[in-house]
Protein backbone atom coordinates (compact mmCIF):
# COMPACT_ATOMS: atom_id res chain seq x y z
CA UNK A 1 -14.15 10.48 8.36
CA UNK A 2 -10.55 9.65 6.92
CA UNK A 3 -9.35 6.16 7.53
CA UNK A 4 -5.46 4.69 7.62
CA UNK A 5 -5.13 1.52 5.57
CA UNK A 6 -4.02 0.05 8.89
CA UNK A 7 -7.66 1.02 10.06
CA UNK A 8 -9.63 -0.08 7.49
CA UNK A 9 -7.66 -3.75 8.13
CA UNK A 10 -8.61 -3.90 11.46
CA UNK A 11 -12.12 -2.67 10.83
CA UNK A 12 -12.67 -5.05 7.85
CA UNK A 13 -11.19 -7.77 10.45
CA UNK A 14 -13.38 -7.24 13.33
CA UNK A 15 -16.10 -7.08 10.40
CA UNK A 16 -15.88 -10.24 8.41
CA UNK A 17 -15.84 -12.56 11.90
CA UNK A 18 -19.12 -11.67 12.50
CA UNK A 19 -20.49 -13.35 9.13
CA UNK A 20 -21.41 -17.20 8.90
CA UNK A 21 -21.93 -16.73 5.27
CA UNK A 22 -20.37 -19.70 3.44
CA UNK A 23 -20.77 -16.87 0.35
CA UNK A 24 -17.39 -14.88 0.31
CA UNK A 25 -19.12 -12.69 -2.43
CA UNK A 26 -22.07 -12.07 -0.26
CA UNK A 27 -19.82 -10.81 2.83
CA UNK A 28 -17.59 -8.99 0.19
CA UNK A 29 -20.59 -6.80 -1.04
CA UNK A 30 -21.59 -5.70 2.44
CA UNK A 31 -18.34 -4.99 3.53
CA UNK A 32 -18.15 -2.72 0.06
CA UNK A 33 -20.96 -0.58 1.00
CA UNK A 34 -18.97 0.79 4.45
CA UNK A 35 -17.77 4.01 4.67
CA UNK A 36 -14.21 2.76 5.02
CA UNK A 37 -14.34 0.99 1.61
CA UNK A 38 -13.40 3.08 -1.10
CA UNK A 39 -14.12 2.49 -4.96
CA UNK A 40 -11.11 1.17 -5.76
CA UNK A 41 -7.75 1.00 -3.22
CA UNK A 42 -5.89 -1.38 -1.62
CA UNK A 43 -8.26 -2.42 1.44
CA UNK A 44 -9.34 -4.98 -1.04
CA UNK A 45 -6.32 -6.42 -1.11
CA UNK A 46 -6.92 -7.10 2.66
CA UNK A 47 -10.90 -7.14 2.12
CA UNK A 48 -10.93 -10.33 -0.43
CA UNK A 49 -8.64 -12.04 1.07
CA UNK A 50 -10.44 -11.83 4.56
CA UNK A 51 -13.82 -12.55 3.53
CA UNK A 52 -12.42 -15.44 1.52
CA UNK A 53 -11.04 -16.68 4.54
CA UNK A 54 -14.20 -16.50 6.39
CA UNK A 55 -16.57 -18.31 4.16
CA UNK A 56 -14.07 -20.90 3.71
CA UNK A 57 -13.86 -21.70 7.70
CA UNK A 58 -17.60 -21.23 7.67
CA UNK A 59 -17.86 -24.03 4.93
CA UNK A 60 -15.87 -26.44 6.71
CA UNK A 61 -12.05 -25.67 6.06
CA UNK A 62 -9.87 -26.47 9.17
CA UNK A 63 -8.54 -22.46 9.84
CA UNK A 64 -7.69 -21.30 13.21
CA UNK A 65 -9.54 -17.28 11.40
CA UNK A 66 -8.20 -15.15 13.98
CA UNK A 67 -4.44 -16.38 13.26
CA UNK A 68 -5.31 -16.42 9.34
CA UNK A 69 -6.46 -12.81 9.08
CA UNK A 70 -3.44 -11.86 11.11
CA UNK A 71 -0.87 -13.33 8.85
CA UNK A 72 -3.07 -12.03 5.77
CA UNK A 73 -3.15 -8.78 7.03
CA UNK A 74 0.58 -8.96 7.35
CA UNK A 75 1.01 -10.39 3.79
CA UNK A 76 -1.16 -7.97 1.99
CA UNK A 77 -0.24 -4.18 3.99
CA UNK A 78 2.80 -4.70 2.08
CA UNK A 79 1.18 -4.71 -1.07
CA UNK A 80 0.70 -0.88 -2.96
CA UNK A 81 -2.57 0.11 -4.44
CA UNK A 82 -2.59 0.36 -8.08
CA UNK A 83 -0.57 -2.67 -8.81
CA UNK A 84 -3.04 -3.66 -11.72
CA UNK A 85 -1.63 -0.91 -14.14
CA UNK A 86 1.75 -0.35 -12.51
CA UNK A 87 2.78 -4.25 -11.81
CA UNK A 88 0.35 -6.22 -14.44
CA UNK A 89 -1.41 -7.88 -11.38
CA UNK A 90 -4.36 -7.61 -9.47
CA UNK A 91 -4.44 -7.14 -5.90
CA UNK A 92 -7.73 -9.19 -5.28
CA UNK A 93 -5.90 -12.21 -7.30
CA UNK A 94 -2.81 -11.73 -4.78
CA UNK A 95 -4.94 -11.48 -1.97
CA UNK A 96 -6.76 -14.58 -2.19
CA UNK A 97 -3.88 -16.53 -3.37
CA UNK A 98 -1.77 -14.96 0.02
CA UNK A 99 -5.36 -16.54 1.81
CA UNK A 100 -4.45 -20.00 0.06
CA UNK A 101 -0.95 -20.09 0.87
CA UNK A 102 -2.26 -18.91 4.26
CA UNK A 103 -4.38 -21.57 4.50
CA UNK A 104 -1.91 -24.22 3.32
CA UNK A 105 1.20 -22.98 5.52
CA UNK A 106 2.68 -22.56 1.96
CA UNK A 107 6.08 -20.41 1.47
CA UNK A 108 8.77 -19.58 -1.05
CA UNK A 109 10.54 -22.85 -0.04
CA UNK A 110 7.69 -25.22 -0.41
CA UNK A 111 7.89 -28.03 -2.45
CA UNK A 112 4.26 -29.40 -2.41
CA UNK A 113 1.43 -29.34 -5.03
CA UNK A 114 -0.23 -26.52 -3.08
CA UNK A 115 2.83 -24.12 -4.37
CA UNK A 116 1.99 -25.40 -7.64
CA UNK A 117 -2.03 -24.62 -7.41
CA UNK A 118 -1.71 -21.31 -6.29
CA UNK A 119 -0.11 -20.55 -9.24
CA UNK A 120 -2.42 -22.19 -11.24
CA UNK A 121 -5.25 -20.20 -9.90
CA UNK A 122 -3.77 -16.78 -9.66
CA UNK A 123 -3.06 -17.56 -13.65
CA UNK A 124 -6.52 -18.57 -14.16
CA UNK A 125 -7.59 -15.49 -12.83
CA UNK A 126 -5.10 -13.08 -14.46
CA UNK A 127 -6.15 -15.08 -18.06
CA UNK A 128 -10.12 -14.18 -17.05
CA UNK A 129 -9.46 -10.28 -16.27
CA UNK A 130 -6.96 -9.87 -19.12
CA UNK A 131 -9.89 -10.69 -21.65
CA UNK A 132 -11.67 -8.15 -20.16
CA UNK A 133 -9.14 -5.44 -19.74
CA UNK A 134 -8.95 -1.88 -17.99
CA UNK A 135 -9.54 0.71 -16.76
CA UNK A 136 -9.05 -1.30 -13.02
CA UNK A 137 -12.15 -2.18 -11.41
CA UNK A 138 -11.51 -3.28 -7.82
CA UNK A 139 -15.21 -4.68 -7.32
CA UNK A 140 -15.30 -6.25 -10.94
CA UNK A 141 -11.83 -7.98 -9.99
CA UNK A 142 -12.78 -9.13 -6.22
CA UNK A 143 -15.85 -10.76 -7.83
CA UNK A 144 -13.68 -12.59 -10.67
CA UNK A 145 -11.13 -13.51 -8.28
CA UNK A 146 -13.50 -14.79 -5.65
CA UNK A 147 -15.37 -16.55 -7.78
CA UNK A 148 -12.80 -17.89 -9.27
CA UNK A 149 -11.17 -19.07 -6.14
CA UNK A 150 -14.93 -20.50 -5.05
CA UNK A 151 -14.73 -23.16 -8.06
CA UNK A 152 -10.80 -23.52 -7.42
CA UNK A 153 -11.19 -24.67 -4.06
CA UNK A 154 -14.03 -27.28 -4.33
CA UNK A 155 -12.42 -28.82 -7.46
CA UNK A 156 -8.69 -29.10 -5.67
CA UNK A 157 -9.68 -29.43 -2.28
CA UNK A 158 -13.42 -30.27 -1.67
CA UNK A 159 -14.31 -27.55 0.31
CA UNK A 160 -17.86 -26.32 -0.93
CA UNK A 161 -18.57 -22.93 -0.61
CA UNK A 162 -21.86 -20.94 -1.58
CA UNK A 163 -21.90 -18.42 -4.45
CA UNK A 164 -25.02 -16.98 -7.10
CA UNK A 165 -25.06 -14.84 -9.71
CA UNK A 166 -23.22 -11.55 -9.01
CA UNK A 167 -24.23 -8.42 -10.41
CA UNK A 168 -22.59 -5.23 -9.53
CA UNK A 169 -24.02 -2.61 -7.19
CA UNK A 170 -21.51 0.04 -7.97
CA UNK A 171 -21.36 1.15 -11.36
CA UNK A 172 -23.22 4.66 -10.27
CA UNK A 173 -19.86 5.23 -7.90
CA UNK A 174 -17.33 4.36 -10.68
CA UNK A 175 -16.13 6.80 -12.92
CA UNK A 176 -14.46 4.45 -15.40
CA UNK A 177 -17.16 1.52 -15.26
CA UNK A 178 -16.71 -0.58 -19.13
CA UNK A 179 -20.31 -1.04 -18.18
CA UNK A 180 -21.40 -3.73 -20.56
CA UNK A 181 -17.92 -5.19 -20.73
CA UNK A 182 -18.00 -6.23 -17.44
CA UNK A 183 -19.42 -9.62 -16.67
CA UNK A 184 -21.31 -8.13 -13.86
CA UNK A 185 -22.93 -4.58 -14.75
CA UNK A 186 -26.52 -4.54 -14.69
CA UNK A 187 -28.59 -2.30 -16.82
CA UNK A 188 -31.59 -1.82 -14.05
């Protein structure tokens, strides 16, 4: 079945709120297996931040999840696919950056430390991605950006989310998988 981007975002939003996990990677991996999530595509621009917001709330973060997901959808639906190669910035990183700005209510005129913190987070993620290089992989980049975000919110805001060692389950579906160069590649 073919889904439009709005439909995919609505399906993702309806799905993430079902989870009680404090582990955003666990949530993302489950939803990545749904038929409305392609191996690569702009649905990750919403999925990654939505799973992060859900786990953040489940870990004790103060957040109205339904309103936060609506705000995140408004922001991320504007991001085109292939941002990584065409714009030099990963959609997963911007998804988590948008989620952080939703959590803290920051905007372009914010003068608080959150504005600065969010820039530090996105630049740290992009630096990790640049070390690996391309071609693009929405799964790898999701694992990198969300894994970085888990550590970031604990260090900066005292919110302890859960994480685990991530191994990729999507290698066989990704024609451009970089295999051994990917930190999440599993030979088995």
